[in-house]
Amino acid sequence: MPFSEYGGFLGSRSSLSMDIAFVILLVMIPVFSWSLELLLLRKNYQLHKKIQLFLSLAFLIATVLFCLDFFLYGWEHRTAEPDGKIPRITYMTLTIHLVFWGVTALMWIVLLVQSLRKIPNPPGPCDFGPTYIFWLIMLVLQLFLTTLTGWEFYMLAFCFG
């Protein structure tokens, strides 16, 4: 049985990997918010760094799972209506989600590389700090929009119809 044929665990028509990616994104927003609290309010730079590295890995895993399932196995066979047609709104939400995902991935990579280069080890206050905080807040907002559009696609493609 090909990997793509394993059904998910969320009760929809999606695959296991799509459900895992969905849950990873669901968990990332509160964890990212906690990480911001650690940075901005508690000044726990070391734990913030560890959480950010963990979230970077989680985003990479969600992206790989989504891309493998999406590009290697396709998704249309799991969502198609009985007549074989997929509503245009589903394609539109997928396009919007992929645009948000691309911007999020690019922002995350640039911020991760820059922060690893410019923030001291062990982490602490530095000249790059205000720039890092600004872009980190922009990233969490972008991640939130990526997550919302991903959930919208997931719901339209695999839960309704």
Protein backbone atom coordinates (compact mmCIF):
# COMPACT_ATOMS: atom_id res chain seq x y z
CA MET A 1 0.00 0.00 0.00
CA PRO A 2 1.56 3.34 -1.02
CA PHE A 3 2.13 5.85 1.76
CA SER A 4 -0.41 8.23 0.25
CA GLU A 5 -3.20 5.69 0.66
CA TYR A 6 -3.01 5.69 4.46
CA GLY A 7 -5.96 7.63 5.73
CA GLY A 8 -5.58 10.42 8.22
CA PHE A 9 -6.64 10.40 11.85
CA LEU A 10 -8.77 13.56 11.91
CA GLY A 11 -11.83 11.96 10.32
CA SER A 12 -11.57 13.66 6.94
CA ARG A 13 -10.70 12.27 3.50
CA SER A 14 -7.11 13.53 3.77
CA SER A 15 -3.99 11.43 4.03
CA LEU A 16 -1.98 10.72 7.15
CA SER A 17 0.75 13.16 6.15
CA MET A 18 -1.75 15.97 5.49
CA ASP A 19 -3.29 15.40 8.92
CA ILE A 20 0.14 15.46 10.58
CA ALA A 21 1.03 18.71 8.78
CA PHE A 22 -2.36 20.17 9.82
CA VAL A 23 -1.75 19.34 13.49
CA ILE A 24 1.84 20.65 13.40
CA LEU A 25 0.56 24.01 12.15
CA LEU A 26 -2.17 23.96 14.80
CA VAL A 27 0.39 23.53 17.58
CA MET A 28 2.91 26.01 16.17
CA ILE A 29 0.91 29.19 16.80
CA PRO A 30 0.57 28.84 20.61
CA VAL A 31 4.14 27.56 20.95
CA PHE A 32 5.42 30.46 18.85
CA SER A 33 3.43 32.88 21.02
CA TRP A 34 4.94 31.33 24.17
CA SER A 35 8.38 31.73 22.63
CA LEU A 36 7.68 35.44 22.04
CA GLU A 37 6.62 35.79 25.67
CA LEU A 38 9.87 34.15 26.78
CA LEU A 39 11.84 36.61 24.66
CA LEU A 40 9.96 39.84 25.27
CA LEU A 41 8.70 39.51 28.84
CA ARG A 42 10.80 36.92 30.63
CA LYS A 43 14.10 37.60 28.82
CA ASN A 44 14.79 33.87 28.69
CA TYR A 45 16.89 34.04 25.52
CA GLN A 46 18.30 30.51 25.72
CA LEU A 47 14.90 28.79 25.94
CA HIS A 48 13.53 31.12 23.24
CA LYS A 49 16.36 30.05 20.93
CA LYS A 50 15.74 26.35 21.59
CA ILE A 51 12.01 26.74 20.91
CA GLN A 52 12.67 28.69 17.72
CA LEU A 53 15.03 26.00 16.45
CA PHE A 54 12.43 23.35 17.33
CA LEU A 55 9.70 25.34 15.53
CA SER A 56 11.96 25.73 12.49
CA LEU A 57 12.37 21.97 12.38
CA ALA A 58 8.62 21.44 12.87
CA PHE A 59 7.83 23.85 10.01
CA LEU A 60 10.32 21.99 7.82
CA ILE A 61 8.72 18.64 8.70
CA ALA A 62 5.21 19.97 7.99
CA THR A 63 6.44 21.39 4.68
CA VAL A 64 8.13 18.14 3.64
CA LEU A 65 5.08 16.05 4.57
CA PHE A 66 2.77 18.38 2.67
CA CYS A 67 5.03 18.55 -0.40
CA LEU A 68 5.68 14.82 -0.56
CA ASP A 69 2.01 13.99 -0.35
CA PHE A 70 0.92 16.88 -2.52
CA PHE A 71 3.45 16.60 -5.35
CA LEU A 72 4.23 12.87 -5.35
CA TYR A 73 0.79 11.42 -4.70
CA GLY A 74 -1.61 14.25 -5.45
CA TRP A 75 -4.65 15.24 -3.49
CA GLU A 76 -7.41 15.45 -6.08
CA HIS A 77 -8.36 11.77 -5.79
CA ARG A 78 -9.15 12.29 -2.09
CA THR A 79 -11.31 15.34 -2.59
CA ALA A 80 -13.06 15.03 -5.93
CA GLU A 81 -16.80 15.21 -6.04
CA PRO A 82 -18.65 12.16 -7.39
CA ASP A 83 -18.66 13.77 -10.84
CA GLY A 84 -14.85 14.16 -10.64
CA LYS A 85 -14.86 17.94 -10.46
CA ILE A 86 -13.19 20.00 -7.76
CA PRO A 87 -14.75 23.38 -6.95
CA ARG A 88 -12.80 26.42 -8.14
CA ILE A 89 -12.82 27.84 -4.60
CA THR A 90 -10.71 24.88 -3.50
CA TYR A 91 -8.10 25.62 -6.15
CA MET A 92 -8.21 29.32 -5.27
CA THR A 93 -7.63 28.68 -1.57
CA LEU A 94 -4.79 26.32 -2.43
CA THR A 95 -3.15 29.01 -4.57
CA ILE A 96 -3.53 31.61 -1.83
CA HIS A 97 -2.14 29.18 0.75
CA LEU A 98 0.89 28.35 -1.39
CA VAL A 99 1.66 32.06 -1.81
CA PHE A 100 1.47 32.62 1.95
CA TRP A 101 3.53 29.47 2.56
CA GLY A 102 6.24 30.62 0.15
CA VAL A 103 6.54 34.03 1.81
CA THR A 104 6.57 32.42 5.27
CA ALA A 105 9.26 29.94 4.30
CA LEU A 106 11.44 32.66 2.78
CA MET A 107 11.01 34.96 5.79
CA TRP A 108 11.76 32.12 8.19
CA ILE A 109 14.92 31.02 6.38
CA VAL A 110 16.28 34.57 6.15
CA LEU A 111 15.47 35.35 9.79
CA LEU A 112 16.93 32.05 11.01
CA VAL A 113 20.17 32.51 9.10
CA GLN A 114 20.52 36.15 10.13
CA SER A 115 19.78 35.43 13.78
CA LEU A 116 22.27 32.55 13.91
CA ARG A 117 24.91 34.84 12.38
CA LYS A 118 24.22 38.04 14.32
CA ILE A 119 22.96 36.99 17.77
CA PRO A 120 25.72 35.94 20.17
CA ASN A 121 26.01 32.43 21.53
CA PRO A 122 24.76 32.10 24.25
CA PRO A 123 21.96 34.41 23.12
CA GLY A 124 21.44 37.76 24.76
CA PRO A 125 20.78 41.41 23.99
CA CYS A 126 22.68 42.69 20.93
CA ASP A 127 22.52 45.29 18.16
CA PHE A 128 20.49 42.92 15.95
CA GLY A 129 17.89 42.47 18.72
CA PRO A 130 15.35 45.17 17.68
CA THR A 131 15.50 44.06 14.04
CA TYR A 132 15.12 40.44 15.10
CA ILE A 133 12.09 41.21 17.28
CA PHE A 134 10.40 43.20 14.50
CA TRP A 135 10.86 40.42 11.94
CA LEU A 136 9.94 37.73 14.45
CA ILE A 137 6.61 39.44 15.06
CA MET A 138 6.11 39.80 11.29
CA LEU A 139 6.93 36.09 10.94
CA VAL A 140 4.38 35.00 13.54
CA LEU A 141 1.71 37.09 11.78
CA GLN A 142 2.71 35.58 8.44
CA LEU A 143 2.70 32.09 9.97
CA PHE A 144 -0.78 32.74 11.34
CA LEU A 145 -2.04 33.71 7.87
CA THR A 146 -0.31 30.69 6.35
CA THR A 147 -1.96 28.46 8.94
CA LEU A 148 -5.40 29.99 8.35
CA THR A 149 -5.16 29.58 4.59
CA GLY A 150 -3.84 26.03 5.03
CA TRP A 151 -6.74 25.12 7.27
CA GLU A 152 -9.17 26.70 4.82
CA PHE A 153 -7.76 24.59 1.98
CA TYR A 154 -7.80 21.48 4.19
CA MET A 155 -11.44 22.02 5.16
CA LEU A 156 -12.61 22.74 1.61
CA ALA A 157 -10.62 19.93 0.05
CA PHE A 158 -11.06 17.13 2.56
CA CYS A 159 -13.99 17.88 4.88
CA PHE A 160 -16.78 19.29 2.71
CA GLY A 161 -18.29 18.18 -0.53
